[in-house]
C-alpha atoms as a PDB file:
ATOM      1  CA  MET A   1    -151.072 139.770  26.728  1.00  0.00           C
ATOM      2  CA  GLN A   2    -147.666 139.305  28.322  1.00  0.00           C
ATOM      3  CA  HIS A   3    -149.251 137.131  31.014  1.00  0.00           C
ATOM      4  CA  ASP A   4    -150.958 135.004  28.336  1.00  0.00           C
ATOM      5  CA  GLN A   5    -147.688 134.574  26.468  1.00  0.00           C
ATOM      6  CA  ARG A   6    -145.949 133.532  29.665  1.00  0.00           C
ATOM      7  CA  GLY A   7    -148.741 131.067  30.408  1.00  0.00           C
ATOM      8  CA  LEU A   8    -148.446 129.566  26.932  1.00  0.00           C
ATOM      9  CA  TRP A   9    -144.688 129.296  27.300  1.00  0.00           C
ATOM     10  CA  GLU A  10    -144.972 127.570  30.683  1.00  0.00           C
ATOM     11  CA  THR A  11    -147.624 125.211  29.312  1.00  0.00           C
ATOM     12  CA  PHE A  12    -145.377 124.109  26.446  1.00  0.00           C
ATOM     13  CA  VAL A  13    -142.031 124.177  28.252  1.00  0.00           C
ATOM     14  CA  GLY A  14    -142.972 123.832  31.930  1.00  0.00           C
ATOM     15  CA  ASP A  15    -140.344 121.958  33.897  1.00  0.00           C
ATOM     16  CA  GLY A  16    -138.930 120.386  30.730  1.00  0.00           C
ATOM     17  CA  ARG A  17    -141.180 117.351  30.605  1.00  0.00           C
ATOM     18  CA  PRO A  18    -143.406 118.759  27.820  1.00  0.00           C
ATOM     19  CA  LEU A  19    -140.301 119.165  25.658  1.00  0.00           C
ATOM     20  CA  ILE A  20    -139.322 115.527  26.231  1.00  0.00           C
ATOM     21  CA  SER A  21    -142.865 114.434  25.403  1.00  0.00           C
ATOM     22  CA  PHE A  22    -142.781 116.607  22.288  1.00  0.00           C
ATOM     23  CA  CYS A  23    -139.617 114.815  21.164  1.00  0.00           C
ATOM     24  CA  GLY A  24    -141.393 111.516  21.754  1.00  0.00           C
ATOM     25  CA  ILE A  25    -144.382 112.591  19.663  1.00  0.00           C
ATOM     26  CA  CYS A  26    -142.096 113.708  16.830  1.00  0.00           C
ATOM     27  CA  LEU A  27    -140.212 110.393  16.923  1.00  0.00           C
ATOM     28  CA  ALA A  28    -143.500 108.464  16.871  1.00  0.00           C
ATOM     29  CA  LEU A  29    -144.689 110.403  13.827  1.00  0.00           C
ATOM     30  CA  ALA A  30    -141.346 109.914  12.098  1.00  0.00           C
ATOM     31  CA  GLY A  31    -141.431 106.189  12.819  1.00  0.00           C
ATOM     32  CA  MET A  32    -144.972 105.789  11.526  1.00  0.00           C
ATOM     33  CA  PHE A  33    -144.083 107.762   8.415  1.00  0.00           C
ATOM     34  CA  ALA A  34    -141.006 105.582   7.820  1.00  0.00           C
ATOM     35  CA  ILE A  35    -143.148 102.437   8.069  1.00  0.00           C
ATOM     36  CA  PHE A  36    -145.908 103.795   5.822  1.00  0.00           C
ATOM     37  CA  GLN A  37    -143.553 105.241   3.228  1.00  0.00           C
ATOM     38  CA  SER A  38    -141.539 102.013   3.064  1.00  0.00           C
ATOM     39  CA  LEU A  39    -144.685  99.919   2.636  1.00  0.00           C
ATOM     40  CA  THR A  40    -145.498 101.927  -0.487  1.00  0.00           C
ATOM     41  CA  GLY A  41    -142.188 100.820  -2.018  1.00  0.00           C
ATOM     42  CA  HIS A  42    -141.078 104.376  -2.726  1.00  0.00           C
ATOM     43  CA  PHE A  43    -137.845 106.135  -1.848  1.00  0.00           C
ATOM     44  CA  LEU A  44    -137.623 109.566  -0.275  1.00  0.00           C
ATOM     45  CA  PRO A  45    -136.931 112.433  -2.702  1.00  0.00           C
ATOM     46  CA  HIS A  46    -133.386 113.021  -1.449  1.00  0.00           C
ATOM     47  CA  ASP A  47    -132.632 109.286  -1.825  1.00  0.00           C
ATOM     48  CA  VAL A  48    -133.717 109.399  -5.459  1.00  0.00           C
ATOM     49  CA  GLU A  49    -131.670 112.538  -6.008  1.00  0.00           C
ATOM     50  CA  TYR A  50    -128.603 110.895  -4.478  1.00  0.00           C
ATOM     51  CA  LEU A  51    -128.974 107.626  -6.389  1.00  0.00           C
ATOM     52  CA  GLN A  52    -130.223 109.189  -9.620  1.00  0.00           C
ATOM     53  CA  MET A  53    -132.426 106.098  -9.832  1.00  0.00           C
ATOM     54  CA  GLN A  54    -136.068 105.353  -9.140  1.00  0.00           C
ATOM     55  CA  PRO A  55    -137.010 102.252  -7.089  1.00  0.00           C
ATOM     56  CA  GLU A  56    -138.786 100.899 -10.183  1.00  0.00           C
ATOM     57  CA  GLU A  57    -135.415 100.683 -11.924  1.00  0.00           C
ATOM     58  CA  LEU A  58    -133.897  98.709  -9.059  1.00  0.00           C
ATOM     59  CA  CYS A  59    -136.988  96.508  -8.916  1.00  0.00           C
ATOM     60  CA  GLY A  60    -136.168  95.310 -12.404  1.00  0.00           C
ATOM     61  CA  ILE A  61    -133.018  93.644 -11.047  1.00  0.00           C
ATOM     62  CA  ASN A  62    -133.177  90.172  -9.499  1.00  0.00           C
ATOM     63  CA  GLU A  63    -136.874  90.133  -8.549  1.00  0.00           C
ATOM     64  CA  CYS A  64    -136.767  93.511  -6.776  1.00  0.00           C
ATOM     65  CA  ARG A  65    -134.705  92.057  -3.936  1.00  0.00           C
ATOM     66  CA  ILE A  66    -132.460  95.105  -3.556  1.00  0.00           C
ATOM     67  CA  VAL A  67    -135.480  97.335  -2.917  1.00  0.00           C
ATOM     68  CA  HIS A  68    -137.038  94.748  -0.620  1.00  0.00           C
ATOM     69  CA  PHE A  69    -133.824  94.542   1.381  1.00  0.00           C
ATOM     70  CA  MET A  70    -133.751  98.336   1.779  1.00  0.00           C
ATOM     71  CA  ILE A  71    -137.426  98.384   2.767  1.00  0.00           C
ATOM     72  CA  HIS A  72    -136.885  95.769   5.464  1.00  0.00           C
ATOM     73  CA  ASP A  73    -134.260  97.950   7.181  1.00  0.00           C
ATOM     74  CA  ARG A  74    -136.428 101.057   6.948  1.00  0.00           C
ATOM     75  CA  ILE A  75    -139.558  99.417   8.331  1.00  0.00           C
ATOM     76  CA  SER A  76    -137.556  97.987  11.230  1.00  0.00           C
ATOM     77  CA  PHE A  77    -136.058 101.433  11.832  1.00  0.00           C
ATOM     78  CA  GLY A  78    -139.554 102.936  11.977  1.00  0.00           C
ATOM     79  CA  GLY A  79    -140.685 100.389  14.551  1.00  0.00           C
ATOM     80  CA  SER A  80    -137.676 101.153  16.750  1.00  0.00           C
ATOM     81  CA  LEU A  81    -138.423 104.891  16.593  1.00  0.00           C
ATOM     82  CA  VAL A  82    -141.993 104.297  17.787  1.00  0.00           C
ATOM     83  CA  ALA A  83    -140.703 102.169  20.680  1.00  0.00           C
ATOM     84  CA  ILE A  84    -138.285 104.940  21.698  1.00  0.00           C
ATOM     85  CA  ALA A  85    -141.107 107.481  21.485  1.00  0.00           C
ATOM     86  CA  VAL A  86    -143.378 105.458  23.773  1.00  0.00           C
ATOM     87  CA  LEU A  87    -140.653 105.124  26.403  1.00  0.00           C
ATOM     88  CA  TYR A  88    -139.765 108.832  26.201  1.00  0.00           C
ATOM     89  CA  MET A  89    -143.371 109.793  26.851  1.00  0.00           C
ATOM     90  CA  TRP A  90    -143.646 107.290  29.713  1.00  0.00           C
ATOM     91  CA  LEU A  91    -140.465 108.651  31.324  1.00  0.00           C
ATOM     92  CA  ALA A  92    -141.772 112.207  31.062  1.00  0.00           C
ATOM     93  CA  GLU A  93    -145.208 111.368  32.440  1.00  0.00           C
ATOM     94  CA  PHE A  94    -144.200 109.159  35.389  1.00  0.00           C
ATOM     95  CA  PRO A  95    -140.579 108.974  36.706  1.00  0.00           C
ATOM     96  CA  LEU A  96    -139.666 112.559  35.788  1.00  0.00           C
ATOM     97  CA  ARG A  97    -142.913 113.840  37.298  1.00  0.00           C
ATOM     98  CA  GLN A  98    -141.843 112.073  40.508  1.00  0.00           C
ATOM     99  CA  ARG A  99    -138.356 113.639  40.243  1.00  0.00           C
ATOM    100  CA  GLU A 100    -136.498 110.349  39.954  1.00  0.00           C
ATOM    101  CA  ALA A 101    -132.885 111.085  39.019  1.00  0.00           C
ATOM    102  CA  TRP A 102    -132.296 107.806  37.197  1.00  0.00           C
ATOM    103  CA  ALA A 103    -134.871 108.806  34.566  1.00  0.00           C
ATOM    104  CA  TRP A 104    -132.921 111.978  33.788  1.00  0.00           C
ATOM    105  CA  TRP A 105    -129.665 110.058  33.386  1.00  0.00           C
ATOM    106  CA  THR A 106    -131.425 107.447  31.260  1.00  0.00           C
ATOM    107  CA  LEU A 107    -132.553 110.182  28.880  1.00  0.00           C
ATOM    108  CA  VAL A 108    -129.026 111.595  28.762  1.00  0.00           C
ATOM    109  CA  ALA A 109    -127.575 108.198  27.848  1.00  0.00           C
ATOM    110  CA  SER A 110    -130.284 107.556  25.259  1.00  0.00           C
ATOM    111  CA  GLY A 111    -129.705 110.990  23.743  1.00  0.00           C
ATOM    112  CA  VAL A 112    -125.985 110.322  23.350  1.00  0.00           C
ATOM    113  CA  ALA A 113    -126.747 106.968  21.717  1.00  0.00           C
ATOM    114  CA  GLY A 114    -129.614 108.194  19.551  1.00  0.00           C
ATOM    115  CA  PHE A 115    -128.503 111.615  18.395  1.00  0.00           C
ATOM    116  CA  GLY A 116    -124.887 110.464  18.294  1.00  0.00           C
ATOM    117  CA  SER A 117    -125.783 107.677  15.879  1.00  0.00           C
ATOM    118  CA  PHE A 118    -126.296 110.323  13.200  1.00  0.00           C
ATOM    119  CA  LEU A 119    -122.511 110.715  13.108  1.00  0.00           C
ATOM    120  CA  THR A 120    -122.176 107.154  11.830  1.00  0.00           C
ATOM    121  CA  TYR A 121    -122.546 108.661   8.360  1.00  0.00           C
ATOM    122  CA  LEU A 122    -118.809 109.395   8.664  1.00  0.00           C
ATOM    123  CA  GLY A 123    -118.266 105.668   8.256  1.00  0.00           C
ATOM    124  CA  TYR A 124    -120.125 105.344   4.952  1.00  0.00           C
ATOM    125  CA  GLY A 125    -120.025 108.844   3.475  1.00  0.00           C
ATOM    126  CA  TYR A 126    -123.728 109.517   2.783  1.00  0.00           C
ATOM    127  CA  LEU A 127    -125.068 112.621   4.533  1.00  0.00           C
ATOM    128  CA  ASP A 128    -128.852 112.278   4.776  1.00  0.00           C
ATOM    129  CA  THR A 129    -130.088 115.875   4.721  1.00  0.00           C
ATOM    130  CA  TRP A 130    -133.571 115.006   6.013  1.00  0.00           C
ATOM    131  CA  HIS A 131    -132.116 113.021   8.887  1.00  0.00           C
ATOM    132  CA  GLY A 132    -129.715 115.859   9.621  1.00  0.00           C
ATOM    133  CA  ALA A 133    -132.456 118.491   9.594  1.00  0.00           C
ATOM    134  CA  ALA A 134    -134.660 116.414  11.912  1.00  0.00           C
ATOM    135  CA  THR A 135    -131.726 115.886  14.285  1.00  0.00           C
ATOM    136  CA  LEU A 136    -130.938 119.612  14.394  1.00  0.00           C
ATOM    137  CA  ALA A 137    -134.615 120.451  14.966  1.00  0.00           C
ATOM    138  CA  LEU A 138    -135.175 117.994  17.826  1.00  0.00           C
ATOM    139  CA  LEU A 139    -131.825 118.338  19.584  1.00  0.00           C
ATOM    140  CA  PRO A 140    -132.519 121.801  21.105  1.00  0.00           C
ATOM    141  CA  CYS A 141    -135.893 120.589  22.434  1.00  0.00           C
ATOM    142  CA  PHE A 142    -134.296 117.498  23.936  1.00  0.00           C
ATOM    143  CA  ILE A 143    -131.404 119.396  25.516  1.00  0.00           C
ATOM    144  CA  GLY A 144    -133.749 122.132  26.734  1.00  0.00           C
ATOM    145  CA  GLY A 145    -136.003 119.580  28.390  1.00  0.00           C
ATOM    146  CA  LEU A 146    -133.057 117.940  30.122  1.00  0.00           C
ATOM    147  CA  TRP A 147    -131.678 121.295  31.247  1.00  0.00           C
ATOM    148  CA  LEU A 148    -134.954 122.383  32.811  1.00  0.00           C
ATOM    149  CA  GLN A 149    -135.381 119.001  34.482  1.00  0.00           C
ATOM    150  CA  ARG A 150    -131.841 119.085  35.842  1.00  0.00           C
ATOM    151  CA  SER A 151    -132.585 122.008  38.144  1.00  0.00           C
ATOM    152  CA  VAL A 152    -135.615 120.174  39.524  1.00  0.00           C
ATOM    153  CA  LEU A 153    -133.709 116.935  40.043  1.00  0.00           C
ATOM    154  CA  GLU A 154    -130.763 118.610  41.736  1.00  0.00           C
ATOM    155  CA  THR A 155    -133.123 119.909  44.428  1.00  0.00           C
ATOM    156  CA  ALA A 156    -135.053 116.671  44.761  1.00  0.00           C
ATOM    157  CA  GLN A 157    -132.029 114.353  44.835  1.00  0.00           C
ATOM    158  CA  ALA A 158    -129.501 116.490  46.726  1.00  0.00           C
ATOM    159  CA  ASN A 159    -129.410 114.217  49.770  1.00  0.00           C
ATOM    160  CA  VAL A 160    -129.698 110.849  48.022  1.00  0.00           C
ATOM    161  CA  PRO A 161    -126.489 108.750  48.301  1.00  0.00           C
ATOM    162  CA  MET A 162    -124.909 107.904  44.936  1.00  0.00           C
ATOM    163  CA  ILE A 163    -124.981 104.151  45.610  1.00  0.00           C
ATOM    164  CA  SER A 164    -128.758 104.239  46.086  1.00  0.00           C
ATOM    165  CA  ARG A 165    -129.137 105.908  42.692  1.00  0.00           C
ATOM    166  CA  LEU A 166    -127.427 102.949  41.008  1.00  0.00           C
ATOM    167  CA  SER A 167    -129.244 100.137  42.786  1.00  0.00           C
ATOM    168  CA  GLY A 168    -132.136  98.405  41.075  1.00  0.00           C
ATOM    169  CA  ALA A 169    -135.752  98.991  42.003  1.00  0.00           C
ATOM    170  CA  GLU A 170    -136.017  95.472  43.396  1.00  0.00           C
ATOM    171  CA  PRO A 171    -133.772  92.392  43.721  1.00  0.00           C
ATOM    172  CA  LEU A 172    -133.543  89.998  40.788  1.00  0.00           C
ATOM    173  CA  ALA A 173    -135.274  86.791  41.820  1.00  0.00           C
ATOM    174  CA  TRP A 174    -135.976  83.762  39.630  1.00  0.00           C
ATOM    175  CA  ARG A 175    -138.236  82.173  42.241  1.00  0.00           C
ATOM    176  CA  SER A 176    -141.041  84.688  41.957  1.00  0.00           C
ATOM    177  CA  ARG A 177    -143.193  85.042  38.882  1.00  0.00           C
ATOM    178  CA  ARG A 178    -142.632  88.786  38.712  1.00  0.00           C
ATOM    179  CA  GLY A 179    -138.899  88.429  39.306  1.00  0.00           C
ATOM    180  CA  SER A 180    -138.391  85.813  36.608  1.00  0.00           C
ATOM    181  CA  GLY A 181    -140.445  87.892  34.165  1.00  0.00           C
ATOM    182  CA  ARG A 182    -138.356  90.965  34.894  1.00  0.00           C
ATOM    183  CA  ILE A 183    -135.142  88.998  34.337  1.00  0.00           C
ATOM    184  CA  LEU A 184    -136.385  87.722  30.973  1.00  0.00           C
ATOM    185  CA  LEU A 185    -137.288  91.253  29.939  1.00  0.00           C
ATOM    186  CA  LEU A 186    -133.841  92.478  30.989  1.00  0.00           C
ATOM    187  CA  VAL A 187    -132.097  89.714  29.041  1.00  0.00           C
ATOM    188  CA  SER A 188    -134.150  90.575  25.976  1.00  0.00           C
ATOM    189  CA  ALA A 189    -133.363  94.300  26.356  1.00  0.00           C
ATOM    190  CA  CYS A 190    -129.638  93.637  26.707  1.00  0.00           C
ATOM    191  CA  GLY A 191    -129.860  91.519  23.569  1.00  0.00           C
ATOM    192  CA  ILE A 192    -131.417  94.486  21.764  1.00  0.00           C
ATOM    193  CA  ILE A 193    -128.429  96.628  22.726  1.00  0.00           C
ATOM    194  CA  GLY A 194    -126.031  93.964  21.465  1.00  0.00           C
ATOM    195  CA  GLY A 195    -127.953  93.577  18.220  1.00  0.00           C
ATOM    196  CA  GLY A 196    -128.133  97.319  17.691  1.00  0.00           C
ATOM    197  CA  LEU A 197    -124.415  97.849  18.248  1.00  0.00           C
ATOM    198  CA  THR A 198    -123.641  94.970  15.886  1.00  0.00           C
ATOM    199  CA  ILE A 199    -125.879  96.322  13.105  1.00  0.00           C
ATOM    200  CA  GLN A 200    -124.478  99.817  13.621  1.00  0.00           C
ATOM    201  CA  TYR A 201    -120.914  98.506  13.314  1.00  0.00           C
ATOM    202  CA  ILE A 202    -121.762  96.470  10.217  1.00  0.00           C
ATOM    203  CA  GLY A 203    -123.408  99.532   8.662  1.00  0.00           C
ATOM    204  CA  MET A 204    -120.215 101.541   9.118  1.00  0.00           C
ATOM    205  CA  THR A 205    -117.878  98.777   7.888  1.00  0.00           C
ATOM    206  CA  SER A 206    -118.803  95.730   5.812  1.00  0.00           C
ATOM    207  CA  VAL A 207    -122.484  96.824   5.422  1.00  0.00           C
ATOM    208  CA  PHE A 208    -123.666  93.264   4.701  1.00  0.00           C
ATOM    209  CA  VAL A 209    -123.464  89.839   6.285  1.00  0.00           C
ATOM    210  CA  SER A 210    -123.356  86.764   4.100  1.00  0.00           C
ATOM    211  CA  THR A 211    -127.083  86.043   4.417  1.00  0.00           C
ATOM    212  CA  ASP A 212    -127.891  89.576   3.165  1.00  0.00           C
ATOM    213  CA  LEU A 213    -125.950  89.054  -0.058  1.00  0.00           C
ATOM    214  CA  ALA A 214    -127.417  85.571  -0.448  1.00  0.00           C
ATOM    215  CA  PHE A 215    -130.940  87.018  -0.209  1.00  0.00           C
ATOM    216  CA  MET A 216    -130.234  89.683  -2.830  1.00  0.00           C
ATOM    217  CA  GLY A 217    -128.367  87.189  -5.034  1.00  0.00           C
ATOM    218  CA  LEU A 218    -125.630  89.747  -5.657  1.00  0.00           C
ATOM    219  CA  ASP A 219    -122.166  90.466  -4.327  1.00  0.00           C
ATOM    220  CA  ARG A 220    -120.648  93.856  -3.484  1.00  0.00           C
ATOM    221  CA  GLN A 221    -118.981  94.211  -6.880  1.00  0.00           C
ATOM    222  CA  GLN A 222    -122.275  93.647  -8.670  1.00  0.00           C
ATOM    223  CA  LEU A 223    -124.043  96.163  -6.428  1.00  0.00           C
ATOM    224  CA  ASP A 224    -121.312  98.712  -7.144  1.00  0.00           C
ATOM    225  CA  ALA A 225    -121.674  98.047 -10.856  1.00  0.00           C
ATOM    226  CA  ILE A 226    -125.420  98.756 -10.658  1.00  0.00           C
ATOM    227  CA  ASN A 227    -124.820 102.071  -8.900  1.00  0.00           C
ATOM    228  CA  PRO A 228    -121.698 103.116  -6.936  1.00  0.00           C
ATOM    229  CA  ARG A 229    -123.894 105.107  -4.533  1.00  0.00           C
ATOM    230  CA  LEU A 230    -126.132 102.173  -3.684  1.00  0.00           C
ATOM    231  CA  ILE A 231    -123.983 100.632  -0.946  1.00  0.00           C
ATOM    232  CA  PRO A 232    -123.456 103.965   0.904  1.00  0.00           C
ATOM    233  CA  LEU A 233    -127.231 104.500   0.924  1.00  0.00           C
ATOM    234  CA  ILE A 234    -127.876 100.989   2.234  1.00  0.00           C
ATOM    235  CA  ALA A 235    -125.107 101.493   4.815  1.00  0.00           C
ATOM    236  CA  HIS A 236    -126.882 104.641   6.007  1.00  0.00           C
ATOM    237  CA  ASP A 237    -130.103 102.673   6.523  1.00  0.00           C
ATOM    238  CA  ARG A 238    -128.290  99.907   8.379  1.00  0.00           C
ATOM    239  CA  ALA A 239    -126.358 102.197  10.702  1.00  0.00           C
ATOM    240  CA  GLY A 240    -129.461 104.299  11.388  1.00  0.00           C
ATOM    241  CA  PHE A 241    -131.487 101.227  12.284  1.00  0.00           C
ATOM    242  CA  GLY A 242    -128.663  99.971  14.493  1.00  0.00           C
ATOM    243  CA  GLY A 243    -128.530 103.291  16.323  1.00  0.00           C
ATOM    244  CA  ALA A 244    -132.279 103.319  16.924  1.00  0.00           C
ATOM    245  CA  LEU A 245    -132.170  99.713  18.108  1.00  0.00           C
ATOM    246  CA  THR A 246    -129.314 100.460  20.515  1.00  0.00           C
ATOM    247  CA  THR A 247    -131.218 103.437  21.920  1.00  0.00           C
ATOM    248  CA  ALA A 248    -134.421 101.421  22.388  1.00  0.00           C
ATOM    249  CA  GLY A 249    -132.506  98.638  24.122  1.00  0.00           C
ATOM    250  CA  LEU A 250    -130.678 101.047  26.397  1.00  0.00           C
ATOM    251  CA  LEU A 251    -133.922 102.758  27.406  1.00  0.00           C
ATOM    252  CA  THR A 252    -135.662  99.451  28.071  1.00  0.00           C
ATOM    253  CA  THR A 253    -132.759  98.069  30.115  1.00  0.00           C
ATOM    254  CA  ALA A 254    -132.431 101.158  32.308  1.00  0.00           C
ATOM    255  CA  ILE A 255    -136.183 101.411  32.888  1.00  0.00           C
ATOM    256  CA  LEU A 256    -136.482  97.746  33.817  1.00  0.00           C
ATOM    257  CA  TRP A 257    -133.568  98.081  36.223  1.00  0.00           C
ATOM    258  CA  PHE A 258    -134.479 101.326  37.971  1.00  0.00           C
ATOM    259  CA  ALA A 259    -138.281 101.514  37.763  1.00  0.00           C
ATOM    260  CA  LYS A 260    -140.766  99.548  39.807  1.00  0.00           C
ATOM    261  CA  LEU A 261    -143.077  97.438  37.706  1.00  0.00           C
ATOM    262  CA  SER A 262    -146.482  99.035  37.321  1.00  0.00           C
ATOM    263  CA  ARG A 263    -149.414  98.895  34.970  1.00  0.00           C
ATOM    264  CA  SER A 264    -148.322 102.038  33.118  1.00  0.00           C
ATOM    265  CA  LEU A 265    -144.821 100.638  32.605  1.00  0.00           C
ATOM    266  CA  TRP A 266    -146.185  97.265  31.500  1.00  0.00           C
ATOM    267  CA  GLU A 267    -148.440  98.951  28.964  1.00  0.00           C
ATOM    268  CA  ALA A 268    -145.599 101.138  27.661  1.00  0.00           C
ATOM    269  CA  LEU A 269    -143.324  98.116  27.258  1.00  0.00           C
ATOM    270  CA  ALA A 270    -146.075  96.146  25.545  1.00  0.00           C
ATOM    271  CA  LEU A 271    -146.942  98.965  23.121  1.00  0.00           C
ATOM    272  CA  GLY A 272    -143.324  99.726  22.269  1.00  0.00           C
ATOM    273  CA  GLY A 273    -142.523  96.039  21.989  1.00  0.00           C
ATOM    274  CA  VAL A 274    -145.377  95.395  19.565  1.00  0.00           C
ATOM    275  CA  PHE A 275    -144.021  98.010  17.170  1.00  0.00           C
ATOM    276  CA  ALA A 276    -140.341  97.131  17.550  1.00  0.00           C
ATOM    277  CA  TRP A 277    -140.544  93.346  17.431  1.00  0.00           C
ATOM    278  CA  SER A 278    -143.352  93.023  14.894  1.00  0.00           C
ATOM    279  CA  THR A 279    -141.696  95.323  12.362  1.00  0.00           C
ATOM    280  CA  ALA A 280    -138.302  93.687  12.839  1.00  0.00           C
ATOM    281  CA  ILE A 281    -139.616  90.126  12.424  1.00  0.00           C
ATOM    282  CA  LEU A 282    -142.756  90.163  10.269  1.00  0.00           C
ATOM    283  CA  VAL A 283    -141.131  92.145   7.471  1.00  0.00           C
ATOM    284  CA  HIS A 284    -138.795  89.220   6.763  1.00  0.00           C
ATOM    285  CA  PRO A 285    -141.387  86.648   5.652  1.00  0.00           C
ATOM    286  CA  ALA A 286    -143.209  89.447   3.829  1.00  0.00           C
ATOM    287  CA  ILE A 287    -140.197  89.964   1.542  1.00  0.00           C
ATOM    288  CA  GLY A 288    -139.066  86.333   1.534  1.00  0.00           C
ATOM    289  CA  TYR A 289    -135.941  86.841   3.671  1.00  0.00           C
ATOM    290  CA  THR A 290    -136.462  83.823   5.924  1.00  0.00           C
ATOM    291  CA  ASP A 291    -132.939  82.591   6.565  1.00  0.00           C
ATOM    292  CA  PRO A 292    -133.108  80.948  10.046  1.00  0.00           C
ATOM    293  CA  ILE A 293    -129.610  82.065  11.026  1.00  0.00           C
ATOM    294  CA  HIS A 294    -130.491  85.676  10.284  1.00  0.00           C
ATOM    295  CA  LEU A 295    -133.891  85.546  11.998  1.00  0.00           C
ATOM    296  CA  SER A 296    -133.081  83.441  15.067  1.00  0.00           C
ATOM    297  CA  PRO A 297    -131.669  86.238  17.314  1.00  0.00           C
ATOM    298  CA  ALA A 298    -134.750  88.403  16.760  1.00  0.00           C
ATOM    299  CA  VAL A 299    -137.162  85.503  17.243  1.00  0.00           C
ATOM    300  CA  VAL A 300    -135.451  84.390  20.471  1.00  0.00           C
ATOM    301  CA  GLY A 301    -135.358  87.972  21.778  1.00  0.00           C
ATOM    302  CA  ALA A 302    -139.034  88.500  20.969  1.00  0.00           C
ATOM    303  CA  ALA A 303    -139.978  85.198  22.630  1.00  0.00           C
ATOM    304  CA  LEU A 304    -138.153  86.173  25.836  1.00  0.00           C
ATOM    305  CA  PHE A 305    -139.843  89.575  25.735  1.00  0.00           C
ATOM    306  CA  VAL A 306    -143.337  88.111  25.286  1.00  0.00           C
ATOM    307  CA  VAL A 307    -142.861  85.555  28.075  1.00  0.00           C
ATOM    308  CA  GLY A 308    -141.467  88.291  30.318  1.00  0.00           C
ATOM    309  CA  LEU A 309    -144.519  90.443  29.639  1.00  0.00           C
ATOM    310  CA  PHE A 310    -146.830  87.522  30.374  1.00  0.00           C
ATOM    311  CA  LEU A 311    -145.134  86.830  33.714  1.00  0.00           C
ATOM    312  CA  THR A 312    -145.213  90.482  34.780  1.00  0.00           C
ATOM    313  CA  ARG A 313    -148.687  91.379  33.548  1.00  0.00           C
ATOM    314  CA  PRO A 314    -150.834  93.288  36.064  1.00  0.00           C
ATOM    315  CA  TYR A 315    -153.889  91.611  37.568  1.00  0.00           C
ATOM    316  CA  GLY A 316    -155.977  94.428  36.126  1.00  0.00           C
ATOM    317  CA  ILE A 317    -155.079  93.395  32.561  1.00  0.00           C
ATOM    318  CA  ALA A 318    -156.284  89.854  33.158  1.00  0.00           C
ATOM    319  CA  HIS A 319    -159.345  90.556  35.325  1.00  0.00           C
ATOM    320  CA  GLY A 320    -160.406  94.068  34.277  1.00  0.00           C
ATOM    321  CA  GLU A 321    -159.717  95.466  37.759  1.00  0.00           C
ATOM    322  CA  GLY A 322    -158.171  98.775  38.764  1.00  0.00           C
ATOM    323  CA  ASN A 323    -155.435  97.109  40.815  1.00  0.00           C
ATOM    324  CA  ASN A 324    -152.028  98.415  39.776  1.00  0.00           C
ATOM    325  CA  ASP A 325    -150.075  95.743  41.692  1.00  0.00           C
ATOM    326  CA  LEU A 326    -148.430  92.840  39.950  1.00  0.00           C
ATOM    327  CA  PRO A 327    -148.757  89.135  40.797  1.00  0.00           C
END
């Protein structure tokens, strides 16, 4: 019995990678739930308790645009969580299995950005109990996975010079198809980081940009008059989405810089990108928020990402072959 328990423990915990994958699975489920729940037009129970209002009441104001605005942030947040989840599982399955130190440090940086973004509630004053409980539940698994992996990586990377750990997997080259595609993907990923940090900052400070208020047809004073707790709740959604976006961008940038392009990486980027970009862009025309100034950064970033994927696609994707090399 003791041997069986030890075997079960090693199967679940192992060298730490199963814990990282478990975090990825949980984030994927949370992201899918956020998308589904938002599409229904309902609020979470603790949101209703905090607001003391049902979404149906808010929908009676100005063509339901307040609720639609909140939904658009939450759906985008869900898509970002799924993208993070896909990259976490890819890191655990491939680079960490090969004991690549950069993957460990990438997870550390993403954890600081992702879990640390929960503290942005200090800027707007709304403590989301569900978000807090999920953070406290996942954090030990994440830290435990990193701790177990650290001992493996210390042994594997003991004799690797520090400068080699910081160098990219391959030189940046516009002249090759693969090189230009990788550069476009990197530019798009850096743009995601910039966008995420901007949204996070706005969520903790002004909460809205001018196009947001124009879409809702209300100013801050009118929103406060409807419910003084409404802006803090919206600020929570904004800052949370910004934090998830920053984390996804950071992961994508580090992976594109340190990892060699492969079919598995291409597929992970494509899958994560479909969720992140489609939720962030398609939700806008669905709710009627089509201001070109507001949408243009996301559309440009998505276009660069799609072209980058096209230029770096494996031969096997196009010809149905098992070749893992890229053109």
